[in-house]
Amino acid sequence: MPTPVTIPSWNAEGVIPPMDLADPASPNRAPYSVALQDVVMRFNTSPDRRTILQGFLNYRAALHAVGLTVGMQWLDGSFLEHIEVSARNRPPADIDVVTFYRLPAGITQRALLARAPDLFPSTAIERATFKGRFHVDGYMADLASRGERLVGQSAYWYSLWSHQRDTFKWKGFLQIDLSPGEDASALALLAAPLPGATP
């Protein structure tokens, strides 16, 4: 995993910029590789956002519990936008997540699906239940996929997430490590009082 960078500030349009505008050809661009703790520190700014972050950390714990600890996650959606002060003027409803994972040694994809079908929702009802439980709009991509399939999946998510769906404005998104190494400290940060809250 690349060395984490600081999460860029929102631009005037309330989104994370897709690249370093001072050096557009630099590798400093979406998906920005960041630390899980930085995600919590940056976006834990309201009760709604805290609920989503708690659900997301619960989702990571569920992935770790079935042995999915190697890979990365791409984070996006209105959760990464300054949506509360944009024209939409509302809190985010969930966080969009694509988990790129490697299967644990000795476990097949079929065995993983049998062990944790709720982590792989496929119907509208299953997706609604999943979102209600984790506050995550989640998708999975097996890093063992061969060549064209994995490239196609990555290109799809990058092209979908590099623009706002309603305005088609360019925007950036984040990448974090799937490893559970940072989760305990992220949970501790989440338990701290919200900024501006009265103790």
N, C-alpha and C. Protein backbone atom coordinates (compact mmCIF):
# COMPACT_ATOMS: atom_id res chain seq x y z
N MET A 1 0.86 -1.19 0.00
CA MET A 1 0.00 0.00 0.00
C MET A 1 0.90 1.24 0.00
N PRO A 2 0.57 2.24 -0.82
CA PRO A 2 1.37 3.46 -0.84
C PRO A 2 1.35 4.16 0.52
N THR A 3 2.35 5.00 0.76
CA THR A 3 2.39 5.77 2.00
C THR A 3 1.19 6.70 2.05
N PRO A 4 0.45 6.70 3.18
CA PRO A 4 -0.73 7.57 3.26
C PRO A 4 -0.38 9.04 3.11
N VAL A 5 -1.29 9.79 2.53
CA VAL A 5 -1.14 11.23 2.36
C VAL A 5 -2.25 11.92 3.15
N THR A 6 -2.14 13.22 3.30
CA THR A 6 -3.18 14.00 3.95
C THR A 6 -4.40 14.08 3.03
N ILE A 7 -5.57 13.97 3.61
CA ILE A 7 -6.79 14.10 2.81
C ILE A 7 -6.90 15.54 2.32
N PRO A 8 -6.99 15.76 1.02
CA PRO A 8 -7.10 17.14 0.53
C PRO A 8 -8.35 17.83 1.05
N SER A 9 -8.27 19.14 1.20
CA SER A 9 -9.43 19.93 1.64
C SER A 9 -10.48 19.96 0.54
N TRP A 10 -11.73 20.16 0.95
CA TRP A 10 -12.78 20.36 -0.03
C TRP A 10 -12.48 21.60 -0.86
N ASN A 11 -12.82 21.56 -2.12
CA ASN A 11 -12.66 22.76 -2.95
C ASN A 11 -13.92 23.62 -2.84
N ALA A 12 -14.01 24.67 -3.63
CA ALA A 12 -15.14 25.60 -3.56
C ALA A 12 -16.46 24.92 -3.90
N GLU A 13 -16.41 23.80 -4.60
CA GLU A 13 -17.62 23.07 -4.97
C GLU A 13 -17.99 22.02 -3.92
N GLY A 14 -17.23 21.96 -2.83
CA GLY A 14 -17.55 21.05 -1.75
C GLY A 14 -17.16 19.60 -1.99
N VAL A 15 -16.20 19.38 -2.88
CA VAL A 15 -15.71 18.02 -3.15
C VAL A 15 -14.20 17.98 -2.97
N ILE A 16 -13.68 16.78 -2.78
CA ILE A 16 -12.23 16.59 -2.75
C ILE A 16 -11.73 16.71 -4.18
N PRO A 17 -10.73 17.54 -4.44
CA PRO A 17 -10.27 17.69 -5.82
C PRO A 17 -9.72 16.36 -6.35
N PRO A 18 -9.88 16.10 -7.64
CA PRO A 18 -9.45 14.83 -8.20
C PRO A 18 -7.94 14.69 -8.35
N MET A 19 -7.23 15.83 -8.29
CA MET A 19 -5.78 15.82 -8.48
C MET A 19 -5.19 17.08 -7.87
N ASP A 20 -3.87 17.13 -7.84
CA ASP A 20 -3.17 18.32 -7.39
C ASP A 20 -3.21 19.34 -8.53
N LEU A 21 -4.03 20.37 -8.39
CA LEU A 21 -4.20 21.32 -9.47
C LEU A 21 -2.94 22.11 -9.77
N ALA A 22 -2.03 22.20 -8.79
CA ALA A 22 -0.76 22.90 -9.03
C ALA A 22 0.19 22.05 -9.86
N ASP A 23 -0.03 20.73 -9.87
CA ASP A 23 0.82 19.81 -10.62
C ASP A 23 -0.06 18.67 -11.15
N PRO A 24 -0.88 18.95 -12.18
CA PRO A 24 -1.89 17.99 -12.64
C PRO A 24 -1.35 16.65 -13.11
N ALA A 25 -0.08 16.56 -13.48
CA ALA A 25 0.47 15.29 -13.95
C ALA A 25 1.13 14.49 -12.83
N SER A 26 1.11 15.01 -11.60
CA SER A 26 1.76 14.30 -10.50
C SER A 26 0.95 13.08 -10.09
N PRO A 27 1.58 12.13 -9.38
CA PRO A 27 0.83 10.96 -8.91
C PRO A 27 -0.08 11.28 -7.72
N ASN A 28 -0.06 12.51 -7.23
CA ASN A 28 -0.91 12.92 -6.12
C ASN A 28 -2.32 13.19 -6.64
N ARG A 29 -3.12 12.10 -6.71
CA ARG A 29 -4.45 12.16 -7.32
C ARG A 29 -5.31 11.06 -6.76
N ALA A 30 -6.59 11.13 -7.06
CA ALA A 30 -7.53 10.10 -6.60
C ALA A 30 -7.25 8.77 -7.32
N PRO A 31 -7.39 7.68 -6.62
CA PRO A 31 -7.77 7.59 -5.22
C PRO A 31 -6.59 7.92 -4.31
N TYR A 32 -6.79 8.87 -3.39
CA TYR A 32 -5.75 9.27 -2.45
C TYR A 32 -5.60 8.18 -1.39
N SER A 33 -4.40 7.66 -1.22
CA SER A 33 -4.15 6.65 -0.20
C SER A 33 -3.99 7.36 1.14
N VAL A 34 -4.91 7.07 2.09
CA VAL A 34 -4.94 7.76 3.37
C VAL A 34 -5.05 6.75 4.51
N ALA A 35 -4.79 7.20 5.72
CA ALA A 35 -4.92 6.35 6.91
C ALA A 35 -6.37 6.34 7.38
N LEU A 36 -6.80 5.19 7.90
CA LEU A 36 -8.16 5.06 8.42
C LEU A 36 -8.43 6.09 9.52
N GLN A 37 -7.46 6.31 10.40
CA GLN A 37 -7.65 7.29 11.47
C GLN A 37 -7.91 8.68 10.90
N ASP A 38 -7.25 9.02 9.80
CA ASP A 38 -7.45 10.33 9.19
C ASP A 38 -8.88 10.47 8.66
N VAL A 39 -9.44 9.38 8.13
CA VAL A 39 -10.83 9.41 7.67
C VAL A 39 -11.75 9.74 8.83
N VAL A 40 -11.53 9.06 9.97
CA VAL A 40 -12.38 9.30 11.14
C VAL A 40 -12.19 10.73 11.65
N MET A 41 -10.94 11.18 11.77
CA MET A 41 -10.71 12.54 12.28
C MET A 41 -11.32 13.61 11.37
N ARG A 42 -11.23 13.40 10.08
CA ARG A 42 -11.71 14.40 9.13
C ARG A 42 -13.23 14.45 9.03
N PHE A 43 -13.89 13.28 9.04
CA PHE A 43 -15.32 13.25 8.72
C PHE A 43 -16.24 13.01 9.92
N ASN A 44 -15.69 12.86 11.10
CA ASN A 44 -16.52 12.68 12.31
C ASN A 44 -16.91 14.07 12.84
N THR A 45 -17.83 14.72 12.14
CA THR A 45 -18.16 16.11 12.44
C THR A 45 -19.61 16.32 12.85
N SER A 46 -20.42 15.28 12.82
CA SER A 46 -21.83 15.41 13.19
C SER A 46 -22.34 14.06 13.65
N PRO A 47 -23.48 14.04 14.37
CA PRO A 47 -24.05 12.74 14.76
C PRO A 47 -24.36 11.84 13.57
N ASP A 48 -24.86 12.41 12.46
CA ASP A 48 -25.15 11.59 11.27
C ASP A 48 -23.89 10.96 10.71
N ARG A 49 -22.83 11.76 10.61
CA ARG A 49 -21.57 11.23 10.09
C ARG A 49 -20.96 10.20 11.05
N ARG A 50 -21.11 10.44 12.35
CA ARG A 50 -20.59 9.48 13.33
C ARG A 50 -21.30 8.13 13.19
N THR A 51 -22.60 8.15 12.99
CA THR A 51 -23.37 6.91 12.80
C THR A 51 -22.86 6.15 11.58
N ILE A 52 -22.61 6.87 10.49
CA ILE A 52 -22.10 6.23 9.28
C ILE A 52 -20.72 5.65 9.52
N LEU A 53 -19.85 6.41 10.18
CA LEU A 53 -18.50 5.90 10.46
C LEU A 53 -18.55 4.66 11.36
N GLN A 54 -19.42 4.66 12.36
CA GLN A 54 -19.55 3.49 13.22
C GLN A 54 -20.01 2.27 12.41
N GLY A 55 -20.99 2.48 11.54
CA GLY A 55 -21.44 1.39 10.67
C GLY A 55 -20.33 0.89 9.76
N PHE A 56 -19.55 1.82 9.21
CA PHE A 56 -18.45 1.44 8.34
C PHE A 56 -17.40 0.63 9.11
N LEU A 57 -17.07 1.05 10.32
CA LEU A 57 -16.09 0.29 11.11
C LEU A 57 -16.66 -1.08 11.50
N ASN A 58 -17.97 -1.16 11.74
CA ASN A 58 -18.60 -2.46 11.99
C ASN A 58 -18.51 -3.35 10.75
N TYR A 59 -18.68 -2.76 9.58
CA TYR A 59 -18.54 -3.48 8.32
C TYR A 59 -17.13 -4.04 8.17
N ARG A 60 -16.14 -3.21 8.44
CA ARG A 60 -14.75 -3.68 8.38
C ARG A 60 -14.54 -4.84 9.35
N ALA A 61 -15.10 -4.73 10.55
CA ALA A 61 -14.95 -5.81 11.54
C ALA A 61 -15.58 -7.10 11.02
N ALA A 62 -16.72 -6.99 10.34
CA ALA A 62 -17.37 -8.18 9.79
C ALA A 62 -16.51 -8.80 8.68
N LEU A 63 -15.89 -7.97 7.86
CA LEU A 63 -14.98 -8.49 6.83
C LEU A 63 -13.79 -9.18 7.47
N HIS A 64 -13.21 -8.56 8.48
CA HIS A 64 -12.05 -9.14 9.16
C HIS A 64 -12.42 -10.47 9.82
N ALA A 65 -13.64 -10.55 10.37
CA ALA A 65 -14.08 -11.76 11.07
C ALA A 65 -14.15 -12.98 10.14
N VAL A 66 -14.36 -12.76 8.84
CA VAL A 66 -14.38 -13.88 7.90
C VAL A 66 -13.06 -14.04 7.17
N GLY A 67 -12.03 -13.34 7.65
CA GLY A 67 -10.69 -13.53 7.11
C GLY A 67 -10.27 -12.58 6.01
N LEU A 68 -11.10 -11.60 5.68
CA LEU A 68 -10.73 -10.64 4.64
C LEU A 68 -9.95 -9.50 5.28
N THR A 69 -8.64 -9.62 5.25
CA THR A 69 -7.75 -8.64 5.89
C THR A 69 -6.68 -8.10 4.95
N VAL A 70 -6.61 -8.63 3.74
CA VAL A 70 -5.59 -8.21 2.79
C VAL A 70 -6.28 -7.58 1.59
N GLY A 71 -5.93 -6.34 1.30
CA GLY A 71 -6.51 -5.63 0.18
C GLY A 71 -6.64 -4.16 0.49
N MET A 72 -7.62 -3.54 -0.12
CA MET A 72 -7.81 -2.10 0.07
C MET A 72 -9.28 -1.78 -0.13
N GLN A 73 -9.67 -0.60 0.32
CA GLN A 73 -11.03 -0.12 0.11
C GLN A 73 -11.00 1.26 -0.51
N TRP A 74 -11.86 1.47 -1.49
CA TRP A 74 -12.08 2.79 -2.05
C TRP A 74 -13.33 3.36 -1.42
N LEU A 75 -13.24 4.62 -0.97
CA LEU A 75 -14.35 5.30 -0.29
C LEU A 75 -14.80 6.49 -1.12
N ASP A 76 -16.13 6.65 -1.21
CA ASP A 76 -16.65 7.76 -2.00
C ASP A 76 -18.09 8.05 -1.60
N GLY A 77 -18.76 8.80 -2.42
CA GLY A 77 -20.16 9.14 -2.18
C GLY A 77 -20.30 10.50 -1.53
N SER A 78 -21.55 10.84 -1.22
CA SER A 78 -21.80 12.14 -0.61
C SER A 78 -21.14 12.26 0.75
N PHE A 79 -20.78 11.13 1.37
CA PHE A 79 -20.09 11.18 2.66
C PHE A 79 -18.77 11.95 2.55
N LEU A 80 -18.12 11.86 1.41
CA LEU A 80 -16.84 12.56 1.22
C LEU A 80 -17.02 14.00 0.75
N GLU A 81 -18.26 14.41 0.52
CA GLU A 81 -18.53 15.76 0.07
C GLU A 81 -19.00 16.64 1.23
N HIS A 82 -18.90 17.93 1.03
CA HIS A 82 -19.41 18.89 2.01
C HIS A 82 -20.89 19.13 1.71
N ILE A 83 -21.62 18.03 1.73
CA ILE A 83 -23.01 18.02 1.26
C ILE A 83 -23.93 18.86 2.13
N GLU A 84 -23.59 19.01 3.40
CA GLU A 84 -24.44 19.78 4.31
C GLU A 84 -24.56 21.25 3.93
N VAL A 85 -23.56 21.79 3.24
CA VAL A 85 -23.60 23.20 2.85
C VAL A 85 -23.70 23.38 1.34
N SER A 86 -23.91 22.28 0.62
CA SER A 86 -24.04 22.37 -0.84
C SER A 86 -25.49 22.67 -1.18
N ALA A 87 -25.80 22.69 -2.45
CA ALA A 87 -27.17 22.92 -2.90
C ALA A 87 -28.12 21.84 -2.38
N ARG A 88 -27.57 20.64 -2.10
CA ARG A 88 -28.41 19.55 -1.59
C ARG A 88 -28.77 19.76 -0.12
N ASN A 89 -27.93 20.45 0.64
CA ASN A 89 -28.22 20.88 2.00
C ASN A 89 -28.85 19.78 2.87
N ARG A 90 -28.15 18.65 2.98
CA ARG A 90 -28.63 17.53 3.78
C ARG A 90 -27.42 16.73 4.28
N PRO A 91 -27.60 15.91 5.30
CA PRO A 91 -26.50 15.06 5.73
C PRO A 91 -26.34 13.87 4.77
N PRO A 92 -25.17 13.27 4.75
CA PRO A 92 -25.01 12.06 3.93
C PRO A 92 -25.83 10.92 4.51
N ALA A 93 -26.26 10.00 3.65
CA ALA A 93 -27.07 8.86 4.09
C ALA A 93 -26.22 7.62 4.36
N ASP A 94 -25.08 7.51 3.68
CA ASP A 94 -24.22 6.35 3.81
C ASP A 94 -22.85 6.69 3.23
N ILE A 95 -21.98 5.72 3.20
CA ILE A 95 -20.68 5.87 2.56
C ILE A 95 -20.56 4.79 1.49
N ASP A 96 -20.09 5.17 0.31
CA ASP A 96 -19.90 4.21 -0.77
C ASP A 96 -18.53 3.56 -0.60
N VAL A 97 -18.49 2.22 -0.70
CA VAL A 97 -17.25 1.47 -0.46
C VAL A 97 -17.11 0.35 -1.49
N VAL A 98 -15.96 0.27 -2.13
CA VAL A 98 -15.60 -0.92 -2.90
C VAL A 98 -14.42 -1.56 -2.17
N THR A 99 -14.58 -2.83 -1.82
CA THR A 99 -13.53 -3.57 -1.14
C THR A 99 -12.84 -4.48 -2.14
N PHE A 100 -11.57 -4.20 -2.40
CA PHE A 100 -10.73 -5.06 -3.23
C PHE A 100 -9.99 -5.99 -2.27
N TYR A 101 -10.25 -7.29 -2.33
CA TYR A 101 -9.75 -8.20 -1.31
C TYR A 101 -9.05 -9.41 -1.93
N ARG A 102 -8.20 -10.03 -1.10
CA ARG A 102 -7.60 -11.33 -1.43
C ARG A 102 -8.23 -12.36 -0.51
N LEU A 103 -8.62 -13.48 -1.07
CA LEU A 103 -9.18 -14.56 -0.27
C LEU A 103 -8.14 -15.10 0.69
N PRO A 104 -8.57 -15.50 1.90
CA PRO A 104 -7.63 -16.15 2.82
C PRO A 104 -7.14 -17.47 2.22
N ALA A 105 -5.94 -17.88 2.60
CA ALA A 105 -5.38 -19.14 2.10
C ALA A 105 -6.33 -20.30 2.42
N GLY A 106 -6.57 -21.13 1.41
CA GLY A 106 -7.39 -22.32 1.60
C GLY A 106 -8.88 -22.08 1.55
N ILE A 107 -9.33 -20.85 1.30
CA ILE A 107 -10.75 -20.53 1.24
C ILE A 107 -11.11 -20.19 -0.20
N THR A 108 -12.15 -20.81 -0.70
CA THR A 108 -12.62 -20.50 -2.05
C THR A 108 -13.68 -19.39 -1.98
N GLN A 109 -13.95 -18.79 -3.12
CA GLN A 109 -14.99 -17.77 -3.19
C GLN A 109 -16.34 -18.37 -2.78
N ARG A 110 -16.61 -19.59 -3.23
CA ARG A 110 -17.87 -20.25 -2.89
C ARG A 110 -17.99 -20.46 -1.38
N ALA A 111 -16.88 -20.87 -0.74
CA ALA A 111 -16.90 -21.08 0.72
C ALA A 111 -17.10 -19.76 1.46
N LEU A 112 -16.48 -18.71 0.95
CA LEU A 112 -16.65 -17.39 1.58
C LEU A 112 -18.11 -16.93 1.48
N LEU A 113 -18.72 -17.10 0.32
CA LEU A 113 -20.12 -16.72 0.15
C LEU A 113 -21.03 -17.53 1.08
N ALA A 114 -20.71 -18.81 1.26
CA ALA A 114 -21.52 -19.64 2.16
C ALA A 114 -21.34 -19.22 3.61
N ARG A 115 -20.11 -18.79 3.96
CA ARG A 115 -19.80 -18.38 5.33
C ARG A 115 -20.42 -17.04 5.68
N ALA A 116 -20.48 -16.12 4.72
CA ALA A 116 -20.94 -14.76 5.01
C ALA A 116 -21.79 -14.20 3.88
N PRO A 117 -22.96 -14.81 3.59
CA PRO A 117 -23.77 -14.32 2.47
C PRO A 117 -24.26 -12.89 2.67
N ASP A 118 -24.41 -12.47 3.93
CA ASP A 118 -24.90 -11.11 4.20
C ASP A 118 -23.90 -10.03 3.80
N LEU A 119 -22.63 -10.40 3.61
CA LEU A 119 -21.62 -9.43 3.19
C LEU A 119 -21.57 -9.29 1.66
N PHE A 120 -22.34 -10.11 0.97
CA PHE A 120 -22.39 -10.08 -0.49
C PHE A 120 -23.85 -9.95 -0.95
N PRO A 121 -24.53 -8.86 -0.60
CA PRO A 121 -25.95 -8.73 -0.96
C PRO A 121 -26.12 -8.67 -2.47
N SER A 122 -27.16 -9.35 -2.97
CA SER A 122 -27.37 -9.36 -4.41
C SER A 122 -28.76 -8.92 -4.82
N THR A 123 -29.72 -8.95 -3.93
CA THR A 123 -31.08 -8.52 -4.27
C THR A 123 -31.33 -7.14 -3.65
N ALA A 124 -32.39 -6.49 -4.10
CA ALA A 124 -32.73 -5.17 -3.56
C ALA A 124 -33.03 -5.25 -2.07
N ILE A 125 -33.70 -6.29 -1.64
CA ILE A 125 -34.02 -6.44 -0.21
C ILE A 125 -32.74 -6.67 0.59
N GLU A 126 -31.85 -7.52 0.08
CA GLU A 126 -30.58 -7.77 0.78
C GLU A 126 -29.75 -6.50 0.87
N ARG A 127 -29.73 -5.71 -0.22
CA ARG A 127 -28.94 -4.46 -0.21
C ARG A 127 -29.52 -3.48 0.79
N ALA A 128 -30.84 -3.39 0.88
CA ALA A 128 -31.47 -2.48 1.84
C ALA A 128 -31.15 -2.90 3.27
N THR A 129 -31.18 -4.19 3.54
CA THR A 129 -30.85 -4.71 4.87
C THR A 129 -29.39 -4.41 5.20
N PHE A 130 -28.52 -4.64 4.22
CA PHE A 130 -27.09 -4.39 4.38
C PHE A 130 -26.83 -2.91 4.69
N LYS A 131 -27.47 -2.01 3.93
CA LYS A 131 -27.29 -0.56 4.15
C LYS A 131 -27.82 -0.15 5.52
N GLY A 132 -28.96 -0.73 5.91
CA GLY A 132 -29.51 -0.42 7.23
C GLY A 132 -28.61 -0.85 8.36
N ARG A 133 -27.92 -1.96 8.16
CA ARG A 133 -27.02 -2.49 9.20
C ARG A 133 -25.71 -1.73 9.28
N PHE A 134 -25.11 -1.46 8.12
CA PHE A 134 -23.75 -0.90 8.10
C PHE A 134 -23.67 0.56 7.67
N HIS A 135 -24.73 1.14 7.12
CA HIS A 135 -24.68 2.50 6.56
C HIS A 135 -23.64 2.60 5.45
N VAL A 136 -23.48 1.50 4.73
CA VAL A 136 -22.50 1.37 3.65
C VAL A 136 -23.22 0.93 2.38
N ASP A 137 -22.91 1.58 1.26
CA ASP A 137 -23.31 1.09 -0.05
C ASP A 137 -22.08 0.35 -0.55
N GLY A 138 -22.03 -0.97 -0.30
CA GLY A 138 -20.79 -1.72 -0.47
C GLY A 138 -20.79 -2.67 -1.65
N TYR A 139 -19.60 -2.79 -2.24
CA TYR A 139 -19.37 -3.68 -3.38
C TYR A 139 -18.04 -4.38 -3.16
N MET A 140 -17.91 -5.58 -3.73
CA MET A 140 -16.72 -6.40 -3.52
C MET A 140 -16.03 -6.70 -4.86
N ALA A 141 -14.70 -6.73 -4.84
CA ALA A 141 -13.93 -7.10 -6.02
C ALA A 141 -12.76 -7.97 -5.57
N ASP A 142 -12.71 -9.19 -6.08
CA ASP A 142 -11.67 -10.16 -5.73
C ASP A 142 -10.40 -9.81 -6.50
N LEU A 143 -9.31 -9.56 -5.77
CA LEU A 143 -8.04 -9.21 -6.42
C LEU A 143 -7.43 -10.38 -7.17
N ALA A 144 -7.97 -11.58 -6.97
CA ALA A 144 -7.47 -12.74 -7.72
C ALA A 144 -8.08 -12.81 -9.12
N SER A 145 -9.02 -11.90 -9.42
CA SER A 145 -9.59 -11.87 -10.77
C SER A 145 -8.47 -11.69 -11.78
N ARG A 146 -8.58 -12.35 -12.87
CA ARG A 146 -7.53 -12.32 -13.88
C ARG A 146 -7.62 -11.06 -14.75
N GLY A 147 -6.47 -10.49 -15.04
CA GLY A 147 -6.24 -9.43 -16.00
C GLY A 147 -7.39 -8.52 -16.36
N GLU A 148 -8.04 -8.83 -17.47
CA GLU A 148 -9.04 -7.94 -18.03
C GLU A 148 -10.20 -7.71 -17.08
N ARG A 149 -10.61 -8.74 -16.33
CA ARG A 149 -11.76 -8.58 -15.42
C ARG A 149 -11.43 -7.58 -14.32
N LEU A 150 -10.25 -7.71 -13.70
CA LEU A 150 -9.88 -6.80 -12.62
C LEU A 150 -9.66 -5.38 -13.16
N VAL A 151 -9.03 -5.27 -14.30
CA VAL A 151 -8.84 -3.95 -14.92
C VAL A 151 -10.20 -3.33 -15.23
N GLY A 152 -11.11 -4.13 -15.75
CA GLY A 152 -12.45 -3.63 -16.06
C GLY A 152 -13.19 -3.16 -14.83
N GLN A 153 -13.10 -3.92 -13.71
CA GLN A 153 -13.76 -3.52 -12.48
C GLN A 153 -13.17 -2.21 -11.96
N SER A 154 -11.85 -2.10 -11.96
CA SER A 154 -11.18 -0.89 -11.46
C SER A 154 -11.54 0.32 -12.32
N ALA A 155 -11.53 0.13 -13.64
CA ALA A 155 -11.87 1.23 -14.54
C ALA A 155 -13.31 1.67 -14.35
N TYR A 156 -14.21 0.71 -14.13
CA TYR A 156 -15.62 1.04 -13.91
C TYR A 156 -15.77 1.93 -12.68
N TRP A 157 -15.21 1.48 -11.54
CA TRP A 157 -15.37 2.25 -10.31
C TRP A 157 -14.69 3.60 -10.41
N TYR A 158 -13.50 3.65 -11.03
CA TYR A 158 -12.81 4.93 -11.16
C TYR A 158 -13.65 5.89 -12.01
N SER A 159 -14.16 5.42 -13.13
CA SER A 159 -14.92 6.32 -14.01
C SER A 159 -16.24 6.75 -13.35
N LEU A 160 -16.86 5.85 -12.57
CA LEU A 160 -18.10 6.20 -11.89
C LEU A 160 -17.86 7.21 -10.78
N TRP A 161 -16.79 7.04 -10.03
CA TRP A 161 -16.55 7.85 -8.84
C TRP A 161 -15.75 9.11 -9.09
N SER A 162 -15.20 9.29 -10.26
CA SER A 162 -14.39 10.48 -10.51
C SER A 162 -15.23 11.69 -10.91
N HIS A 163 -16.55 11.51 -10.97
CA HIS A 163 -17.47 12.61 -11.29
C HIS A 163 -18.70 12.52 -10.40
N GLN A 164 -19.29 13.70 -10.09
CA GLN A 164 -20.58 13.70 -9.43
C GLN A 164 -21.62 13.22 -10.44
N ARG A 165 -22.57 12.42 -9.98
CA ARG A 165 -23.55 11.85 -10.90
C ARG A 165 -24.53 12.89 -11.43
N ASP A 166 -24.87 13.88 -10.62
CA ASP A 166 -25.87 14.85 -11.05
C ASP A 166 -25.29 16.04 -11.79
N THR A 167 -24.07 16.45 -11.44
CA THR A 167 -23.48 17.63 -12.08
C THR A 167 -22.34 17.30 -13.04
N PHE A 168 -21.83 16.08 -12.95
CA PHE A 168 -20.69 15.61 -13.76
C PHE A 168 -19.41 16.39 -13.49
N LYS A 169 -19.32 17.02 -12.30
CA LYS A 169 -18.10 17.72 -11.92
C LYS A 169 -17.07 16.70 -11.46
N TRP A 170 -15.82 16.97 -11.79
CA TRP A 170 -14.73 16.10 -11.36
C TRP A 170 -14.61 16.14 -9.84
N LYS A 171 -14.27 15.00 -9.25
CA LYS A 171 -14.04 14.94 -7.81
C LYS A 171 -13.09 13.80 -7.49
N GLY A 172 -12.53 13.86 -6.28
CA GLY A 172 -11.62 12.82 -5.85
C GLY A 172 -12.27 11.87 -4.86
N PHE A 173 -11.60 10.76 -4.59
CA PHE A 173 -12.05 9.81 -3.58
C PHE A 173 -10.84 9.20 -2.88
N LEU A 174 -11.08 8.36 -1.88
CA LEU A 174 -10.01 7.91 -0.99
C LEU A 174 -9.79 6.40 -1.08
N GLN A 175 -8.59 5.99 -0.68
CA GLN A 175 -8.23 4.57 -0.59
C GLN A 175 -7.63 4.32 0.78
N ILE A 176 -8.09 3.26 1.46
CA ILE A 176 -7.51 2.86 2.74
C ILE A 176 -7.15 1.38 2.69
N ASP A 177 -6.24 0.98 3.56
CA ASP A 177 -5.82 -0.40 3.66
C ASP A 177 -6.94 -1.22 4.32
N LEU A 178 -7.13 -2.45 3.87
CA LEU A 178 -8.14 -3.34 4.46
C LEU A 178 -7.66 -3.97 5.77
N SER A 179 -6.38 -3.97 6.02
CA SER A 179 -5.82 -4.58 7.23
C SER A 179 -6.48 -4.02 8.48
N PRO A 180 -6.69 -4.87 9.51
CA PRO A 180 -7.32 -4.40 10.74
C PRO A 180 -6.39 -3.62 11.67
N GLY A 181 -5.15 -3.37 11.26
CA GLY A 181 -4.17 -2.74 12.13
C GLY A 181 -4.55 -1.38 12.67
N GLU A 182 -5.36 -0.61 11.97
CA GLU A 182 -5.72 0.75 12.40
C GLU A 182 -7.11 0.84 13.02
N ASP A 183 -7.86 -0.25 13.03
CA ASP A 183 -9.27 -0.17 13.40
C ASP A 183 -9.50 0.17 14.87
N ALA A 184 -8.69 -0.39 15.78
CA ALA A 184 -8.87 -0.11 17.21
C ALA A 184 -8.66 1.37 17.49
N SER A 185 -7.62 1.96 16.90
CA SER A 185 -7.38 3.38 17.14
C SER A 185 -8.45 4.24 16.46
N ALA A 186 -8.98 3.79 15.32
CA ALA A 186 -10.07 4.52 14.66
C ALA A 186 -11.32 4.51 15.52
N LEU A 187 -11.62 3.36 16.14
CA LEU A 187 -12.77 3.28 17.05
C LEU A 187 -12.59 4.19 18.25
N ALA A 188 -11.37 4.25 18.78
CA ALA A 188 -11.10 5.14 19.92
C ALA A 188 -11.31 6.60 19.53
N LEU A 189 -10.87 6.98 18.35
CA LEU A 189 -11.07 8.35 17.86
C LEU A 189 -12.57 8.65 17.71
N LEU A 190 -13.32 7.66 17.25
CA LEU A 190 -14.74 7.86 17.03
C LEU A 190 -15.48 8.07 18.35
N ALA A 191 -14.94 7.54 19.44
CA ALA A 191 -15.58 7.67 20.75
C ALA A 191 -15.35 9.04 21.38
N ALA A 192 -14.40 9.82 20.85
CA ALA A 192 -14.11 11.15 21.39
C ALA A 192 -15.29 12.09 21.12
N PRO A 193 -15.47 13.13 21.96
CA PRO A 193 -16.56 14.08 21.72
C PRO A 193 -16.46 14.72 20.34
N LEU A 194 -17.60 15.00 19.76
CA LEU A 194 -17.62 15.68 18.46
C LEU A 194 -17.04 17.08 18.61
N PRO A 195 -16.42 17.60 17.56
CA PRO A 195 -15.91 18.98 17.64
C PRO A 195 -17.03 19.95 17.98
N GLY A 196 -16.77 20.80 18.95
CA GLY A 196 -17.75 21.79 19.36
C GLY A 196 -18.80 21.29 20.32
N ALA A 197 -18.73 19.97 20.67
CA ALA A 197 -19.72 19.43 21.59
C ALA A 197 -19.39 19.83 23.02
N THR A 198 -20.42 20.04 23.82
CA THR A 198 -20.22 20.38 25.23
C THR A 198 -19.93 19.11 26.01
N PRO A 199 -18.80 19.08 26.76
CA PRO A 199 -18.45 17.85 27.48
C PRO A 199 -19.46 17.54 28.56
